[in-house]
Amino acid sequence: FGYSASNKIRKDFFYFYNIKKAIIFETKIFEFTGTNVGILMFL
């Protein structure tokens, strides 16, 4: 589900923008799962 949702956002949202630089902060939110959270800034 996550991969298809990401592709939908890329096709619908990023189509209108030309991103030159991105900064990504990613960290694990639960110690015993593989779930991460990311904060993205597009410049």
C-alpha atoms as a PDB file:
ATOM      1  CA  PHE A   1       0.000   0.000   0.000  1.00  0.00           C
ATOM      2  CA  GLY A   2       2.764   2.465   0.884  1.00  0.00           C
ATOM      3  CA  TYR A   3       4.561   2.126  -2.446  1.00  0.00           C
ATOM      4  CA  SER A   4       1.416   2.714  -4.518  1.00  0.00           C
ATOM      5  CA  ALA A   5       0.431   5.716  -2.371  1.00  0.00           C
ATOM      6  CA  SER A   6       3.905   7.215  -2.844  1.00  0.00           C
ATOM      7  CA  ASN A   7       3.664   6.767  -6.600  1.00  0.00           C
ATOM      8  CA  LYS A   8       0.237   8.465  -6.631  1.00  0.00           C
ATOM      9  CA  ILE A   9       1.677  11.489  -4.791  1.00  0.00           C
ATOM     10  CA  ARG A  10       4.652  11.632  -7.180  1.00  0.00           C
ATOM     11  CA  LYS A  11       2.426  11.559 -10.259  1.00  0.00           C
ATOM     12  CA  ASP A  12      -0.196  14.049  -9.018  1.00  0.00           C
ATOM     13  CA  PHE A  13       1.803  16.494  -6.883  1.00  0.00           C
ATOM     14  CA  PHE A  14       5.386  16.524  -8.126  1.00  0.00           C
ATOM     15  CA  TYR A  15       4.276  16.861 -11.747  1.00  0.00           C
ATOM     16  CA  PHE A  16       3.862  20.621 -11.160  1.00  0.00           C
ATOM     17  CA  TYR A  17       7.207  21.229  -9.418  1.00  0.00           C
ATOM     18  CA  ASN A  18      10.869  21.143 -10.381  1.00  0.00           C
ATOM     19  CA  ILE A  19      12.716  20.158  -7.190  1.00  0.00           C
ATOM     20  CA  LYS A  20      16.353  21.256  -7.172  1.00  0.00           C
ATOM     21  CA  LYS A  21      17.259  20.209  -3.607  1.00  0.00           C
ATOM     22  CA  ALA A  22      15.655  18.117  -0.860  1.00  0.00           C
ATOM     23  CA  ILE A  23      16.602  17.660   2.794  1.00  0.00           C
ATOM     24  CA  ILE A  24      15.330  14.538   4.542  1.00  0.00           C
ATOM     25  CA  PHE A  25      15.343  13.840   8.278  1.00  0.00           C
ATOM     26  CA  GLU A  26      14.356  10.250   9.001  1.00  0.00           C
ATOM     27  CA  THR A  27      14.191   8.446  12.321  1.00  0.00           C
ATOM     28  CA  LYS A  28      12.740   5.278  13.782  1.00  0.00           C
ATOM     29  CA  ILE A  29       9.554   5.968  15.771  1.00  0.00           C
ATOM     30  CA  PHE A  30       9.091   2.540  17.330  1.00  0.00           C
ATOM     31  CA  GLU A  31      12.043   0.623  18.738  1.00  0.00           C
ATOM     32  CA  PHE A  32      10.982  -2.896  17.710  1.00  0.00           C
ATOM     33  CA  THR A  33       9.297  -2.257  14.365  1.00  0.00           C
ATOM     34  CA  GLY A  34      10.652  -1.139  11.042  1.00  0.00           C
ATOM     35  CA  THR A  35       8.410   1.936  11.024  1.00  0.00           C
ATOM     36  CA  ASN A  36      10.194   5.222  10.339  1.00  0.00           C
ATOM     37  CA  VAL A  37       8.968   8.791  10.088  1.00  0.00           C
ATOM     38  CA  GLY A  38      10.425  11.314   7.690  1.00  0.00           C
ATOM     39  CA  ILE A  39      10.402  15.099   7.560  1.00  0.00           C
ATOM     40  CA  LEU A  40      11.058  16.488   4.094  1.00  0.00           C
ATOM     41  CA  MET A  41      11.975  20.000   3.003  1.00  0.00           C
ATOM     42  CA  PHE A  42      12.060  20.854  -0.681  1.00  0.00           C
ATOM     43  CA  LEU A  43      14.154  23.855  -1.663  1.00  0.00           C
END
